[in-house]
Amino acid sequence: MDIGITYALINLTWYALQFPGGLLADRYGRKKLIVLPTFTFIVLYLVAGAAWVWWIAAASLILINAFGGLQTPSFTSTIAESVDENHRGRAFATFGFFVNIGLTLGPLMGAFLIPLYGYSSLFYITGIVAAFCGVSRLLFLHETQKHTVSEGARTIFPRINRNLVWFLAGCSIFSLAYGMILPLMALYAGPEGVFGFSVEKVELMFFVAQFATCLTSIPSGKFLEKIDNRICLMTAFIGTSLSIMIWACSPLQWVAFTLMTLTYVFYTLFWITYDSFISSLTVPQSRGGVLGIAAIAVGIFTGAGSAIGSYLWERYNPILPFLITGILGLLSATPLLKIKLPKPKS
């Protein structure tokens, strides 16, 4: 119960703090909102490593994710404002590549270091890495928000237009769909689940899927630059939802591994396209605030989906959340048809 509440608070603070983080970035600049939270990570990771009771470590992780939420709109805005609009797909794909490398190699390093040095060593190492990142960002990161503080104050409320409403509607439905099965996939495949895979086999399946996202991140960005954002996002919605729905009906090991890999690849395509698309639908003066509102919507619907999926699992049938996810994935693409994109320049 304590672990469940902690993870819920970690996710809640990360999503909730993105809105004030975006507003502050629009007013005071991207670099400040990236650099200052990074230095707080140093102290918080060291405190977590030295914690003598569990709730101190939990509180540190919650605060780390809160400050991480403050940073997130500035990261997206900085990438969008650092490259030409036609190259945003590749830029966000490159960013996603390095994120996925960390998500792939981090657990492997943890599996090696924890038996030798314990859990505290990981927190201390991460604190040292945060110090290196903070200094590097302070020295080398360039500010991309050009307006002054007074101009940022006048634009502190984000501008929401018709296209953004339809974009958020589609992303919210998709987040509800994916949220339904997010906490259930490992349980469904595990020893006490429908597939009955061993714990080692489940871990291997997720590792293969995560590693595949590293290999496909850059090609996904190039694909995005050749096809308009709307079609690419619809592909990600439908591909993610249908592949995980079919996965739930395919207990054969090689089929399950293949379909889980496809789910991860399509889901990575979603995030790459999401960042590029929302950047093209916003202006720099209010981009951070809009990113914050979008994050809150995604977070709320993901959390609601997880609650609904868990209820359907316990009350009816474990496969039901996966089937509904497939249906909602198809529905999530329909609001995007309402988006009116400008005609490309000749």
Protein backbone atom coordinates (compact mmCIF):
# COMPACT_ATOMS: atom_id res chain seq x y z
CA MET A 1 0.00 0.00 0.00
CA ASP A 2 2.79 2.43 0.94
CA ILE A 3 4.64 1.68 -2.30
CA GLY A 4 1.47 2.18 -4.35
CA ILE A 5 0.75 5.55 -2.74
CA THR A 6 4.37 6.64 -3.26
CA TYR A 7 4.31 5.80 -6.96
CA ALA A 8 0.96 7.55 -7.36
CA LEU A 9 2.38 10.72 -5.77
CA ILE A 10 5.53 10.50 -7.91
CA ASN A 11 3.47 10.43 -11.12
CA LEU A 12 0.99 13.03 -9.87
CA THR A 13 3.65 15.58 -8.94
CA TRP A 14 5.54 15.06 -12.21
CA TYR A 15 2.46 15.81 -14.30
CA ALA A 16 0.99 18.52 -12.06
CA LEU A 17 4.18 20.62 -11.83
CA GLN A 18 4.55 20.84 -15.60
CA PHE A 19 1.90 23.55 -15.85
CA PRO A 20 3.56 26.03 -13.45
CA GLY A 21 6.90 24.97 -14.93
CA GLY A 22 5.70 25.89 -18.40
CA LEU A 23 4.31 29.25 -17.27
CA LEU A 24 7.54 30.11 -15.47
CA ALA A 25 9.57 29.09 -18.52
CA ASP A 26 7.48 31.39 -20.72
CA ARG A 27 8.10 34.26 -18.32
CA TYR A 28 11.68 33.77 -17.13
CA GLY A 29 13.25 31.62 -19.85
CA ARG A 30 13.94 27.96 -20.53
CA LYS A 31 17.51 27.77 -19.23
CA LYS A 32 16.68 28.82 -15.65
CA LEU A 33 13.91 26.22 -15.42
CA ILE A 34 16.31 23.50 -16.61
CA VAL A 35 19.42 24.42 -14.65
CA LEU A 36 18.01 25.31 -11.22
CA PRO A 37 15.99 22.08 -10.69
CA THR A 38 19.02 20.05 -11.81
CA PHE A 39 21.05 21.35 -8.86
CA THR A 40 18.27 20.37 -6.45
CA PHE A 41 18.63 16.77 -7.66
CA ILE A 42 22.14 16.60 -6.20
CA VAL A 43 20.94 17.18 -2.65
CA LEU A 44 17.79 15.11 -2.99
CA TYR A 45 19.57 12.02 -4.37
CA LEU A 46 22.20 12.22 -1.63
CA VAL A 47 19.44 12.48 0.99
CA ALA A 48 17.66 9.47 -0.55
CA GLY A 49 20.89 7.46 -0.45
CA ALA A 50 21.53 8.32 3.20
CA ALA A 51 17.89 7.87 4.31
CA TRP A 52 17.48 5.70 7.43
CA VAL A 53 13.69 5.31 7.09
CA TRP A 54 11.71 4.59 3.94
CA TRP A 55 9.56 7.72 3.98
CA ILE A 56 12.58 10.04 3.73
CA ALA A 57 13.70 8.27 0.55
CA ALA A 58 10.11 8.35 -0.76
CA ALA A 59 9.78 12.08 -0.03
CA SER A 60 13.08 12.73 -1.83
CA LEU A 61 11.92 10.83 -4.92
CA ILE A 62 8.60 12.68 -4.93
CA LEU A 63 10.42 16.03 -4.79
CA ILE A 64 12.83 14.92 -7.53
CA ASN A 65 9.89 14.16 -9.82
CA ALA A 66 8.22 17.45 -8.86
CA PHE A 67 11.31 19.41 -9.93
CA GLY A 68 11.58 17.16 -12.99
CA GLY A 69 8.03 18.17 -13.90
CA LEU A 70 9.05 21.83 -13.66
CA GLN A 71 11.84 21.12 -16.15
CA THR A 72 9.95 19.12 -18.75
CA PRO A 73 8.20 21.91 -20.72
CA SER A 74 11.53 23.75 -20.97
CA PHE A 75 13.27 20.70 -22.43
CA THR A 76 10.58 20.33 -25.10
CA SER A 77 10.49 24.07 -25.84
CA THR A 78 14.28 24.29 -26.07
CA ILE A 79 14.47 21.47 -28.59
CA ALA A 80 11.60 22.91 -30.65
CA GLU A 81 13.14 26.39 -30.68
CA SER A 82 16.69 25.22 -31.43
CA VAL A 83 16.01 23.67 -34.84
CA ASP A 84 14.14 24.48 -38.00
CA GLU A 85 10.51 23.31 -37.95
CA ASN A 86 11.22 20.83 -40.75
CA HIS A 87 13.87 19.11 -38.61
CA ARG A 88 11.97 18.85 -35.34
CA GLY A 89 11.12 15.20 -35.91
CA ARG A 90 14.77 14.23 -36.04
CA ALA A 91 15.62 16.49 -33.08
CA PHE A 92 12.98 14.97 -30.82
CA ALA A 93 13.90 11.49 -32.05
CA THR A 94 17.54 12.08 -31.09
CA PHE A 95 16.45 13.26 -27.65
CA GLY A 96 14.24 10.18 -27.34
CA PHE A 97 17.13 7.94 -28.41
CA PHE A 98 19.31 9.05 -25.49
CA VAL A 99 16.40 8.81 -23.06
CA ASN A 100 15.73 5.24 -24.20
CA ILE A 101 19.43 4.36 -23.93
CA GLY A 102 19.26 5.41 -20.28
CA LEU A 103 16.08 3.45 -19.68
CA THR A 104 17.69 0.39 -21.25
CA LEU A 105 21.15 0.49 -19.67
CA GLY A 106 20.12 1.90 -16.27
CA PRO A 107 18.34 -1.25 -15.01
CA LEU A 108 21.25 -3.39 -16.25
CA MET A 109 23.75 -1.28 -14.32
CA GLY A 110 21.49 -1.42 -11.28
CA ALA A 111 21.31 -5.20 -11.48
CA PHE A 112 25.13 -5.29 -11.44
CA LEU A 113 25.77 -2.66 -8.75
CA ILE A 114 23.03 -3.43 -6.21
CA PRO A 115 24.38 -6.90 -5.20
CA LEU A 116 27.87 -5.43 -4.80
CA TYR A 117 27.23 -2.07 -3.17
CA GLY A 118 23.55 -1.92 -2.21
CA TYR A 119 20.75 0.42 -3.21
CA SER A 120 22.31 3.52 -1.63
CA SER A 121 25.17 3.45 -4.14
CA LEU A 122 22.74 4.07 -7.00
CA PHE A 123 21.41 7.22 -5.35
CA TYR A 124 24.93 8.52 -4.67
CA ILE A 125 26.05 7.84 -8.25
CA THR A 126 22.94 9.54 -9.61
CA GLY A 127 23.63 12.58 -7.40
CA ILE A 128 27.15 12.83 -8.84
CA VAL A 129 25.78 12.56 -12.39
CA ALA A 130 23.23 15.29 -11.58
CA ALA A 131 26.09 17.56 -10.47
CA PHE A 132 27.87 16.98 -13.78
CA CYS A 133 24.65 17.66 -15.72
CA GLY A 134 23.93 20.83 -13.74
CA VAL A 135 27.36 22.33 -14.40
CA SER A 136 27.23 21.35 -18.08
CA ARG A 137 23.81 22.91 -18.53
CA LEU A 138 24.85 26.08 -16.72
CA LEU A 139 27.93 26.54 -18.92
CA PHE A 140 26.81 25.31 -22.32
CA LEU A 141 23.02 25.52 -22.58
CA HIS A 142 21.76 28.50 -24.59
CA GLU A 143 18.54 30.36 -23.85
CA THR A 144 16.01 29.99 -26.69
CA GLN A 145 13.23 32.19 -25.28
CA LYS A 146 13.97 35.64 -26.67
CA HIS A 147 11.28 37.83 -25.11
CA THR A 148 11.74 39.81 -21.90
CA VAL A 149 10.20 39.17 -18.47
CA SER A 150 7.53 41.82 -19.07
CA GLU A 151 6.57 40.23 -22.38
CA GLY A 152 6.43 36.83 -20.69
CA ALA A 153 4.12 38.25 -18.03
CA ARG A 154 1.67 39.43 -20.68
CA THR A 155 1.60 35.98 -22.27
CA ILE A 156 1.51 33.96 -19.04
CA PHE A 157 -1.91 32.48 -19.94
CA PRO A 158 -1.45 30.01 -22.80
CA ARG A 159 -3.31 30.47 -26.05
CA ILE A 160 -5.63 27.58 -26.80
CA ASN A 161 -6.96 27.33 -30.34
CA ARG A 162 -9.27 24.93 -32.16
CA ASN A 163 -6.46 22.70 -33.43
CA LEU A 164 -5.02 22.36 -29.93
CA VAL A 165 -8.40 21.34 -28.53
CA TRP A 166 -8.73 18.50 -31.04
CA PHE A 167 -5.10 17.53 -30.49
CA LEU A 168 -5.60 17.33 -26.72
CA ALA A 169 -8.85 15.40 -27.19
CA GLY A 170 -7.09 12.71 -29.21
CA CYS A 171 -4.12 12.50 -26.83
CA SER A 172 -6.44 12.32 -23.80
CA ILE A 173 -8.42 9.39 -25.23
CA PHE A 174 -5.18 7.62 -26.13
CA SER A 175 -3.75 8.25 -22.65
CA LEU A 176 -6.91 6.79 -21.11
CA ALA A 177 -6.52 3.73 -23.33
CA TYR A 178 -2.82 3.15 -22.63
CA GLY A 179 -3.26 3.94 -18.95
CA MET A 180 -5.74 1.06 -18.67
CA ILE A 181 -3.09 -1.55 -19.42
CA LEU A 182 0.06 0.23 -18.19
CA PRO A 183 0.11 -1.36 -14.70
CA LEU A 184 -1.27 -4.69 -15.95
CA MET A 185 1.13 -5.86 -18.68
CA ALA A 186 3.69 -7.48 -16.38
CA LEU A 187 0.96 -9.06 -14.25
CA TYR A 188 -0.82 -10.40 -17.33
CA ALA A 189 2.35 -12.04 -18.65
CA GLY A 190 3.82 -13.14 -15.29
CA PRO A 191 3.77 -16.46 -13.43
CA GLU A 192 0.35 -15.83 -11.90
CA GLY A 193 -1.08 -14.15 -14.99
CA VAL A 194 -2.65 -15.40 -18.20
CA PHE A 195 0.61 -16.18 -20.03
CA GLY A 196 2.33 -17.78 -17.04
CA PHE A 197 5.82 -16.61 -18.12
CA SER A 198 8.61 -16.79 -15.56
CA VAL A 199 9.82 -13.54 -14.01
CA GLU A 200 13.07 -13.80 -16.01
CA LYS A 201 11.14 -14.25 -19.25
CA VAL A 202 8.94 -11.22 -18.49
CA GLU A 203 12.01 -9.09 -17.76
CA LEU A 204 13.63 -10.27 -21.00
CA MET A 205 10.51 -9.39 -22.98
CA PHE A 206 10.47 -5.82 -21.67
CA PHE A 207 14.24 -5.46 -22.17
CA VAL A 208 13.97 -6.53 -25.82
CA ALA A 209 11.08 -4.10 -26.35
CA GLN A 210 12.93 -1.22 -24.68
CA PHE A 211 16.12 -1.95 -26.62
CA ALA A 212 14.13 -1.90 -29.87
CA THR A 213 13.00 1.65 -29.13
CA CYS A 214 16.67 2.71 -29.07
CA LEU A 215 17.19 1.25 -32.52
CA THR A 216 14.03 2.78 -33.99
CA SER A 217 14.04 6.27 -32.41
CA ILE A 218 16.13 7.95 -35.13
CA PRO A 219 14.29 6.22 -38.03
CA SER A 220 11.00 7.30 -36.40
CA GLY A 221 12.18 10.92 -36.51
CA LYS A 222 13.08 10.65 -40.19
CA PHE A 223 9.68 9.04 -40.85
CA LEU A 224 8.01 11.98 -39.08
CA GLU A 225 9.80 14.48 -41.30
CA LYS A 226 8.49 12.78 -44.44
CA ILE A 227 4.86 12.41 -43.30
CA ASP A 228 2.75 15.10 -41.66
CA ASN A 229 2.37 15.10 -37.89
CA ARG A 230 -1.29 14.19 -37.95
CA ILE A 231 -0.86 10.97 -39.95
CA CYS A 232 2.16 10.00 -37.85
CA LEU A 233 0.27 10.52 -34.58
CA MET A 234 -2.73 8.54 -35.84
CA THR A 235 -0.34 5.72 -36.80
CA ALA A 236 1.12 5.75 -33.28
CA PHE A 237 -2.33 5.72 -31.65
CA ILE A 238 -3.66 2.84 -33.70
CA GLY A 239 -0.41 0.85 -33.80
CA THR A 240 0.13 0.99 -30.03
CA SER A 241 -3.44 0.09 -29.13
CA LEU A 242 -3.95 -2.70 -31.64
CA SER A 243 -0.57 -4.35 -31.04
CA ILE A 244 -1.13 -4.54 -27.27
CA MET A 245 -4.69 -5.80 -27.78
CA ILE A 246 -3.47 -8.60 -30.05
CA TRP A 247 -0.59 -9.26 -27.63
CA ALA A 248 -3.10 -10.10 -24.91
CA CYS A 249 -4.51 -12.84 -27.13
CA SER A 250 -1.13 -14.36 -28.08
CA PRO A 251 0.51 -16.40 -25.29
CA LEU A 252 3.18 -17.93 -27.58
CA GLN A 253 6.55 -16.58 -26.49
CA TRP A 254 7.89 -15.37 -29.84
CA VAL A 255 4.55 -13.77 -30.72
CA ALA A 256 4.33 -12.04 -27.33
CA PHE A 257 7.90 -10.75 -27.63
CA THR A 258 7.27 -9.44 -31.16
CA LEU A 259 3.99 -7.71 -30.33
CA MET A 260 5.35 -6.15 -27.11
CA THR A 261 8.27 -4.79 -29.14
CA LEU A 262 5.85 -3.29 -31.67
CA THR A 263 3.85 -1.73 -28.82
CA TYR A 264 6.95 -0.03 -27.43
CA VAL A 265 8.08 1.14 -30.88
CA PHE A 266 4.68 2.68 -31.67
CA TYR A 267 4.49 4.23 -28.20
CA THR A 268 7.90 5.84 -28.70
CA LEU A 269 6.68 7.16 -32.05
CA PHE A 270 3.74 8.69 -30.16
CA TRP A 271 5.99 10.70 -27.84
CA ILE A 272 8.29 11.85 -30.64
CA THR A 273 5.32 12.99 -32.73
CA TYR A 274 3.54 14.45 -29.69
CA ASP A 275 6.42 16.80 -28.93
CA SER A 276 6.88 17.83 -32.55
CA PHE A 277 3.15 18.28 -33.22
CA ILE A 278 2.36 20.36 -30.14
CA SER A 279 5.40 22.53 -30.85
CA SER A 280 4.06 23.26 -34.34
CA LEU A 281 0.63 24.17 -32.91
CA THR A 282 2.01 26.71 -30.41
CA VAL A 283 3.95 29.98 -30.44
CA PRO A 284 7.11 30.51 -28.33
CA GLN A 285 5.48 33.12 -26.06
CA SER A 286 2.97 30.59 -24.68
CA ARG A 287 4.52 27.23 -25.62
CA GLY A 288 5.58 26.29 -22.08
CA GLY A 289 2.12 26.94 -20.63
CA VAL A 290 0.40 24.92 -23.35
CA LEU A 291 2.82 22.04 -22.77
CA GLY A 292 1.94 22.19 -19.08
CA ILE A 293 -1.80 22.02 -19.74
CA ALA A 294 -1.28 19.11 -22.14
CA ALA A 295 0.80 17.27 -19.53
CA ILE A 296 -1.93 17.65 -16.92
CA ALA A 297 -4.52 16.29 -19.37
CA VAL A 298 -2.31 13.32 -20.25
CA GLY A 299 -1.57 12.65 -16.58
CA ILE A 300 -5.20 12.81 -15.47
CA PHE A 301 -6.42 10.48 -18.21
CA THR A 302 -3.51 8.06 -17.75
CA GLY A 303 -4.26 7.84 -14.02
CA ALA A 304 -7.98 7.42 -14.63
CA GLY A 305 -7.25 4.70 -17.18
CA SER A 306 -5.08 2.79 -14.69
CA ALA A 307 -7.86 2.88 -12.09
CA ILE A 308 -10.48 1.75 -14.62
CA GLY A 309 -8.24 -1.00 -16.01
CA SER A 310 -7.50 -2.38 -12.55
CA TYR A 311 -11.21 -2.39 -11.70
CA LEU A 312 -12.12 -4.24 -14.92
CA TRP A 313 -9.31 -6.75 -14.26
CA GLU A 314 -10.58 -7.60 -10.78
CA ARG A 315 -14.31 -7.26 -11.38
CA TYR A 316 -14.70 -8.91 -14.79
CA ASN A 317 -11.87 -10.44 -16.84
CA PRO A 318 -8.11 -9.71 -17.16
CA ILE A 319 -8.35 -9.49 -20.95
CA LEU A 320 -11.14 -6.88 -20.94
CA PRO A 321 -8.90 -3.80 -20.35
CA PHE A 322 -6.71 -4.84 -23.31
CA LEU A 323 -9.71 -5.24 -25.62
CA ILE A 324 -11.10 -1.83 -24.61
CA THR A 325 -7.66 -0.30 -25.14
CA GLY A 326 -7.72 -1.47 -28.75
CA ILE A 327 -11.15 0.07 -29.32
CA LEU A 328 -10.23 3.37 -27.65
CA GLY A 329 -7.02 3.47 -29.68
CA LEU A 330 -9.08 3.57 -32.87
CA LEU A 331 -11.38 6.25 -31.43
CA SER A 332 -8.42 8.39 -30.32
CA ALA A 333 -7.44 8.96 -33.93
CA THR A 334 -10.77 10.51 -34.95
CA PRO A 335 -10.35 13.95 -33.25
CA LEU A 336 -7.13 14.43 -35.22
CA LEU A 337 -9.17 14.45 -38.44
CA LYS A 338 -10.66 17.75 -37.25
CA ILE A 339 -7.27 19.46 -37.18
CA LYS A 340 -6.78 21.84 -40.09
CA LEU A 341 -3.12 22.04 -41.01
CA PRO A 342 -1.72 24.87 -43.18
CA LYS A 343 -0.90 23.92 -46.74
CA PRO A 344 2.80 23.13 -47.17
CA LYS A 345 4.90 25.78 -48.88
CA SER A 346 6.00 25.00 -52.39
